[in-house]
């Protein structure tokens, strides 16, 4: 039995395999419509979610399986003080696989250590969000036809953004990747990510606070929200917030082949004027997430077609 807690739990060969299965699901949906018949997915979401929870549920239903859902700690026995370990043991009696989101870093790992069925980390605090990274990778692959040899700009909150940390870890294993890290000083990438992943792997990267200047060299732009609550004072936030709002003017020097990604939800960091630009890929990302979660469920349940 195997779980997915961190994107690095999957080798690059396994990432390529998941992409291949997702592409087959896209091209042959009927072939997979009863692949999980008789199987049950439990979605344990102790933190708010729209896309991720519904994406997992849609994935399981489209594979012909069923879903048991807990949305919110206040509606579960966690409200009575039940431990994550005990919850995992209990849910294992009802379901064949568990998708779990939790506000505490490491909670899905504790669940995986105690469950008797596979556990998928659907986001734990500011730590990891591996299935969002799977959605990102399939989107990049479908847009570019490859996962290597490109310049990837990551913009906004690089300090607390778990999707950014997971994507850097995944892409760092492919040839010819270079990163442009675009953020205010207050929200720079944590040193442990920079040193343990980027520097350690000898990957080319630059650090800047200027989105417009960085734009011309990017093949991928991964936008995230600059969060007001992360700043120590309002003055710094007000000074910086508009620097990281993507507008048509900021795209004037961008490549025609640029792909714009965003893990969503968007607040105001991408102007709605960009939604109809052919380079906007963030809603495609949502759909790609469902296909990759379908492929992952099949893999962890050991189902091959």
Protein backbone atom coordinates (compact mmCIF):
# COMPACT_ATOMS: atom_id res chain seq x y z
CA UNK A 1 0.00 0.00 0.00
CA UNK A 2 1.27 3.44 -0.93
CA UNK A 3 0.26 7.04 -0.13
CA UNK A 4 1.14 10.42 -1.67
CA UNK A 5 2.22 13.05 0.86
CA UNK A 6 4.95 14.96 -0.99
CA UNK A 7 5.42 15.38 -4.75
CA UNK A 8 8.93 13.92 -4.27
CA UNK A 9 7.28 10.62 -3.28
CA UNK A 10 6.85 10.16 -7.04
CA UNK A 11 9.83 9.58 -9.34
CA UNK A 12 10.03 11.44 -12.66
CA UNK A 13 9.20 8.12 -14.39
CA UNK A 14 6.05 7.90 -12.26
CA UNK A 15 5.13 11.52 -13.03
CA UNK A 16 5.51 10.75 -16.75
CA UNK A 17 3.39 7.60 -16.28
CA UNK A 18 0.61 9.58 -14.54
CA UNK A 19 0.65 12.15 -17.35
CA UNK A 20 0.39 9.34 -19.93
CA UNK A 21 -2.61 7.81 -18.09
CA UNK A 22 -4.26 11.25 -17.74
CA UNK A 23 -3.83 11.84 -21.49
CA UNK A 24 -5.42 8.43 -22.17
CA UNK A 25 -8.34 9.33 -19.86
CA UNK A 26 -8.80 12.59 -21.81
CA UNK A 27 -8.81 10.73 -25.13
CA UNK A 28 -10.76 7.62 -24.03
CA UNK A 29 -13.09 8.55 -21.14
CA UNK A 30 -15.47 5.62 -21.71
CA UNK A 31 -12.61 3.14 -21.16
CA UNK A 32 -12.30 4.38 -17.56
CA UNK A 33 -15.97 4.91 -16.68
CA UNK A 34 -16.20 1.78 -14.49
CA UNK A 35 -12.53 1.42 -13.50
CA UNK A 36 -13.32 2.07 -9.81
CA UNK A 37 -16.71 0.39 -9.66
CA UNK A 38 -17.31 -0.78 -6.08
CA UNK A 39 -14.52 1.45 -4.67
CA UNK A 40 -15.04 4.34 -2.25
CA UNK A 41 -13.03 7.55 -1.82
CA UNK A 42 -13.29 9.41 1.51
CA UNK A 43 -12.63 13.16 1.25
CA UNK A 44 -11.59 14.52 4.66
CA UNK A 45 -11.35 18.28 4.36
CA UNK A 46 -10.66 20.05 7.65
CA UNK A 47 -9.92 23.32 5.81
CA UNK A 48 -12.03 25.26 3.25
CA UNK A 49 -11.79 24.05 -0.35
CA UNK A 50 -13.84 24.27 -3.53
CA UNK A 51 -11.68 23.11 -6.42
CA UNK A 52 -9.63 20.41 -4.73
CA UNK A 53 -12.48 18.66 -2.92
CA UNK A 54 -14.89 18.76 -5.85
CA UNK A 55 -12.08 17.74 -8.20
CA UNK A 56 -11.37 14.60 -6.15
CA UNK A 57 -15.07 13.80 -5.95
CA UNK A 58 -15.63 14.35 -9.68
CA UNK A 59 -12.56 12.20 -10.41
CA UNK A 60 -13.90 9.27 -8.39
CA UNK A 61 -17.41 9.54 -9.81
CA UNK A 62 -16.04 9.61 -13.38
CA UNK A 63 -14.10 6.43 -12.59
CA UNK A 64 -17.38 4.77 -11.57
CA UNK A 65 -16.64 4.85 -7.83
CA UNK A 66 -18.41 6.40 -4.86
CA UNK A 67 -17.53 9.19 -2.42
CA UNK A 68 -17.85 9.62 1.34
CA UNK A 69 -17.35 13.26 2.29
CA UNK A 70 -16.39 15.19 5.43
CA UNK A 71 -16.18 18.94 4.85
CA UNK A 72 -14.99 20.88 7.89
CA UNK A 73 -13.54 19.83 11.23
CA UNK A 74 -16.68 21.09 12.99
CA UNK A 75 -18.79 18.41 11.26
CA UNK A 76 -16.47 15.52 12.19
CA UNK A 77 -15.33 13.81 15.39
CA UNK A 78 -12.29 16.11 15.32
CA UNK A 79 -14.65 18.60 16.99
CA UNK A 80 -14.86 16.12 19.90
CA UNK A 81 -11.08 15.91 20.10
CA UNK A 82 -10.46 12.74 18.06
CA UNK A 83 -6.84 12.47 16.89
CA UNK A 84 -5.83 12.41 13.22
CA UNK A 85 -4.39 8.92 13.79
CA UNK A 86 -7.69 7.56 15.14
CA UNK A 87 -9.70 9.28 12.42
CA UNK A 88 -7.49 7.60 9.78
CA UNK A 89 -7.98 4.17 11.37
CA UNK A 90 -11.74 4.66 11.50
CA UNK A 91 -12.14 5.94 7.93
CA UNK A 92 -10.02 3.02 6.68
CA UNK A 93 -12.89 0.76 7.77
CA UNK A 94 -15.27 2.53 5.36
CA UNK A 95 -13.22 3.64 2.35
CA UNK A 96 -10.65 2.24 -0.08
CA UNK A 97 -8.68 5.49 -0.37
CA UNK A 98 -8.59 8.82 1.50
CA UNK A 99 -7.95 12.39 0.29
CA UNK A 100 -7.14 14.67 3.23
CA UNK A 101 -6.69 18.43 3.64
CA UNK A 102 -5.60 19.81 6.99
CA UNK A 103 -4.41 23.15 8.36
CA UNK A 104 -1.58 21.47 10.30
CA UNK A 105 1.62 20.60 8.42
CA UNK A 106 2.23 16.87 8.63
CA UNK A 107 -1.34 15.81 9.45
CA UNK A 108 -1.78 13.78 6.21
CA UNK A 109 1.55 12.05 6.96
CA UNK A 110 0.25 11.04 10.41
CA UNK A 111 -2.94 9.80 8.72
CA UNK A 112 -0.94 7.76 6.20
CA UNK A 113 1.11 6.17 9.00
CA UNK A 114 -2.08 4.99 10.71
CA UNK A 115 -4.49 4.26 7.86
CA UNK A 116 -4.78 0.84 6.27
CA UNK A 117 -5.68 2.37 2.89
CA UNK A 118 -3.78 4.87 0.69
CA UNK A 119 -3.87 8.53 1.81
CA UNK A 120 -3.49 11.47 -0.58
CA UNK A 121 -2.33 14.80 0.83
CA UNK A 122 -4.79 17.38 -0.54
CA UNK A 123 -2.88 20.24 1.13
CA UNK A 124 -1.34 20.57 4.60
CA UNK A 125 -0.86 24.11 5.87
CA UNK A 126 1.95 25.95 4.09
CA UNK A 127 3.77 22.70 3.45
CA UNK A 128 2.75 20.59 0.44
CA UNK A 129 0.00 20.34 -2.16
CA UNK A 130 1.17 17.51 -4.43
CA UNK A 131 -2.02 17.05 -6.46
CA UNK A 132 -2.06 20.75 -7.38
CA UNK A 133 1.47 20.17 -8.68
CA UNK A 134 0.20 17.23 -10.74
CA UNK A 135 -2.40 19.58 -12.26
CA UNK A 136 0.36 22.13 -12.95
CA UNK A 137 2.61 19.55 -14.60
CA UNK A 138 -0.14 18.21 -16.89
CA UNK A 139 -1.03 21.80 -17.87
CA UNK A 140 2.60 22.60 -18.72
CA UNK A 141 2.94 19.32 -20.65
CA UNK A 142 -0.26 19.92 -22.65
CA UNK A 143 0.75 23.51 -23.45
CA UNK A 144 4.46 22.89 -24.19
CA UNK A 145 4.71 19.21 -25.05
CA UNK A 146 7.55 18.85 -22.51
CA UNK A 147 8.48 19.40 -18.87
CA UNK A 148 12.11 20.45 -19.36
CA UNK A 149 14.11 23.13 -21.15
CA UNK A 150 12.12 26.20 -20.16
CA UNK A 151 12.24 29.31 -17.98
CA UNK A 152 9.61 29.36 -15.25
CA UNK A 153 8.67 32.60 -13.45
CA UNK A 154 7.04 32.23 -10.03
CA UNK A 155 5.40 35.46 -8.89
CA UNK A 156 3.78 36.76 -5.69
CA UNK A 157 3.80 34.98 -2.34
CA UNK A 158 6.75 32.61 -2.65
CA UNK A 159 7.26 32.40 1.12
CA UNK A 160 3.99 30.81 2.22
CA UNK A 161 2.77 29.40 -1.12
CA UNK A 162 2.71 25.60 -0.76
CA UNK A 163 1.88 25.22 -4.46
CA UNK A 164 5.06 27.13 -5.37
CA UNK A 165 7.25 24.96 -3.11
CA UNK A 166 5.82 21.72 -4.56
CA UNK A 167 6.15 22.90 -8.18
CA UNK A 168 9.79 23.93 -7.69
CA UNK A 169 10.55 20.51 -6.17
CA UNK A 170 8.92 18.69 -9.11
CA UNK A 171 10.38 20.76 -11.96
CA UNK A 172 13.88 20.76 -10.43
CA UNK A 173 14.26 17.15 -11.52
CA UNK A 174 13.87 17.93 -15.23
CA UNK A 175 16.69 18.99 -17.58
CA UNK A 176 17.16 22.58 -18.66
CA UNK A 177 14.86 24.26 -16.13
CA UNK A 178 15.62 27.77 -14.91
CA UNK A 179 13.59 29.75 -12.39
CA UNK A 180 12.88 33.46 -12.06
CA UNK A 181 11.70 34.18 -8.50
CA UNK A 182 9.56 37.34 -8.52
CA UNK A 183 8.38 38.68 -5.16
CA UNK A 184 8.63 41.50 -2.64
CA UNK A 185 11.44 41.08 -0.11
CA UNK A 186 8.88 40.21 2.58
CA UNK A 187 7.58 37.21 0.60
CA UNK A 188 10.80 35.76 -0.82
CA UNK A 189 11.17 32.01 -1.29
CA UNK A 190 12.22 30.36 2.00
CA UNK A 191 15.95 29.69 2.25
CA UNK A 192 15.41 25.97 2.77
CA UNK A 193 13.60 25.69 -0.60
CA UNK A 194 16.18 27.85 -2.35
CA UNK A 195 19.20 26.05 -0.88
CA UNK A 196 17.97 22.47 -0.50
CA UNK A 197 16.29 22.23 -3.90
CA UNK A 198 17.43 24.93 -6.35
CA UNK A 199 21.06 25.48 -5.28
CA UNK A 200 21.66 21.84 -4.33
CA UNK A 201 20.57 20.70 -7.80
CA UNK A 202 22.68 23.34 -9.56
CA UNK A 203 19.65 24.95 -11.21
CA UNK A 204 19.98 28.34 -12.87
CA UNK A 205 17.83 30.99 -11.14
CA UNK A 206 17.44 34.71 -10.62
CA UNK A 207 15.71 36.69 -7.86
CA UNK A 208 13.89 39.94 -8.67
CA UNK A 209 11.06 42.16 -7.45
CA UNK A 210 10.27 43.44 -10.98
CA UNK A 211 7.59 41.45 -12.81
CA UNK A 212 7.63 43.63 -15.95
CA UNK A 213 11.39 43.30 -16.41
CA UNK A 214 11.31 39.52 -15.90
CA UNK A 215 8.43 38.96 -18.33
CA UNK A 216 10.34 38.92 -21.63
CA UNK A 217 12.31 35.73 -20.85
CA UNK A 218 9.52 33.56 -19.43
CA UNK A 219 8.00 30.45 -20.99
CA UNK A 220 5.74 29.87 -17.95
CA UNK A 221 4.41 32.49 -15.53
CA UNK A 222 3.01 31.01 -12.31
CA UNK A 223 1.03 33.73 -10.50
CA UNK A 224 0.04 33.66 -6.82
CA UNK A 225 -1.76 36.10 -4.55
CA UNK A 226 0.21 38.69 -2.56
CA UNK A 227 -1.59 38.34 0.76
CA UNK A 228 -2.24 41.46 2.81
CA UNK A 229 -2.19 39.44 6.04
CA UNK A 230 1.45 38.43 5.48
CA UNK A 231 2.76 41.99 5.81
CA UNK A 232 3.91 43.59 9.06
CA UNK A 233 2.61 46.99 8.04
CA UNK A 234 -0.09 48.28 5.73
CA UNK A 235 2.23 50.83 4.10
CA UNK A 236 4.50 48.10 2.64
CA UNK A 237 1.49 46.17 1.36
CA UNK A 238 -0.03 49.21 -0.35
CA UNK A 239 3.34 50.10 -1.89
CA UNK A 240 3.81 46.64 -3.39
CA UNK A 241 0.41 45.15 -4.09
CA UNK A 242 -0.12 46.60 -7.59
CA UNK A 243 3.35 45.50 -8.75
CA UNK A 244 2.07 41.95 -8.82
CA UNK A 245 -1.26 42.44 -10.57
CA UNK A 246 -1.01 40.97 -14.05
CA UNK A 247 -2.54 43.33 -16.63
CA UNK A 248 -2.49 43.39 -20.46
CA UNK A 249 0.13 46.18 -20.26
CA UNK A 250 2.49 43.93 -18.28
CA UNK A 251 2.21 41.30 -21.03
CA UNK A 252 3.37 43.66 -23.79
CA UNK A 253 6.92 42.29 -23.71
CA UNK A 254 5.91 38.66 -23.07
CA UNK A 255 6.41 35.82 -25.54
CA UNK A 256 3.45 34.86 -27.70
CA UNK A 257 4.05 31.31 -26.49
CA UNK A 258 3.91 32.25 -22.77
CA UNK A 259 1.60 30.11 -20.59
CA UNK A 260 0.03 31.80 -17.54
CA UNK A 261 -0.83 29.51 -14.64
CA UNK A 262 -2.42 30.20 -11.24
CA UNK A 263 -3.45 27.64 -8.57
CA UNK A 264 -6.62 29.70 -7.81
CA UNK A 265 -8.58 31.13 -6.10
CA UNK A 266 -7.79 34.42 -7.80
CA UNK A 267 -8.58 37.62 -5.93
CA UNK A 268 -7.26 40.54 -8.00
CA UNK A 269 -3.74 39.46 -9.02
CA UNK A 270 -4.75 38.62 -12.60
CA UNK A 271 -6.94 41.15 -14.38
CA UNK A 272 -10.11 39.59 -15.85
CA UNK A 273 -9.05 41.32 -19.10
CA UNK A 274 -6.49 38.51 -19.48
CA UNK A 275 -9.03 35.67 -19.21
CA UNK A 276 -9.62 35.64 -22.97
CA UNK A 277 -5.92 35.86 -23.84
CA UNK A 278 -4.86 32.54 -25.46
CA UNK A 279 -1.92 32.46 -23.04
CA UNK A 280 -4.23 32.20 -19.98
CA UNK A 281 -4.22 28.59 -18.76
CA UNK A 282 -5.57 28.80 -15.21
CA UNK A 283 -9.03 27.44 -15.95
CA UNK A 284 -7.50 24.66 -18.06
CA UNK A 285 -5.43 23.85 -14.96
CA UNK A 286 -8.62 23.16 -13.00
CA UNK A 287 -9.78 20.57 -15.56
CA UNK A 288 -6.32 19.04 -15.82
CA UNK A 289 -6.35 18.59 -12.04
CA UNK A 290 -9.36 16.29 -12.31
CA UNK A 291 -7.66 14.10 -14.93
CA UNK A 292 -4.45 13.81 -12.90
CA UNK A 293 -6.38 12.94 -9.74
CA UNK A 294 -8.17 10.20 -11.71
CA UNK A 295 -4.80 8.83 -12.82
CA UNK A 296 -3.44 9.04 -9.26
CA UNK A 297 -6.44 7.24 -7.73
CA UNK A 298 -5.97 4.40 -10.23
CA UNK A 299 -2.25 4.20 -9.45
CA UNK A 300 -2.64 4.12 -5.66
CA UNK A 301 -5.44 1.54 -5.88
CA UNK A 302 -3.27 -0.59 -8.19
CA UNK A 303 -5.85 -0.55 -11.01
CA UNK A 304 -4.41 -0.92 -14.53
CA UNK A 305 -6.46 -0.92 -17.71
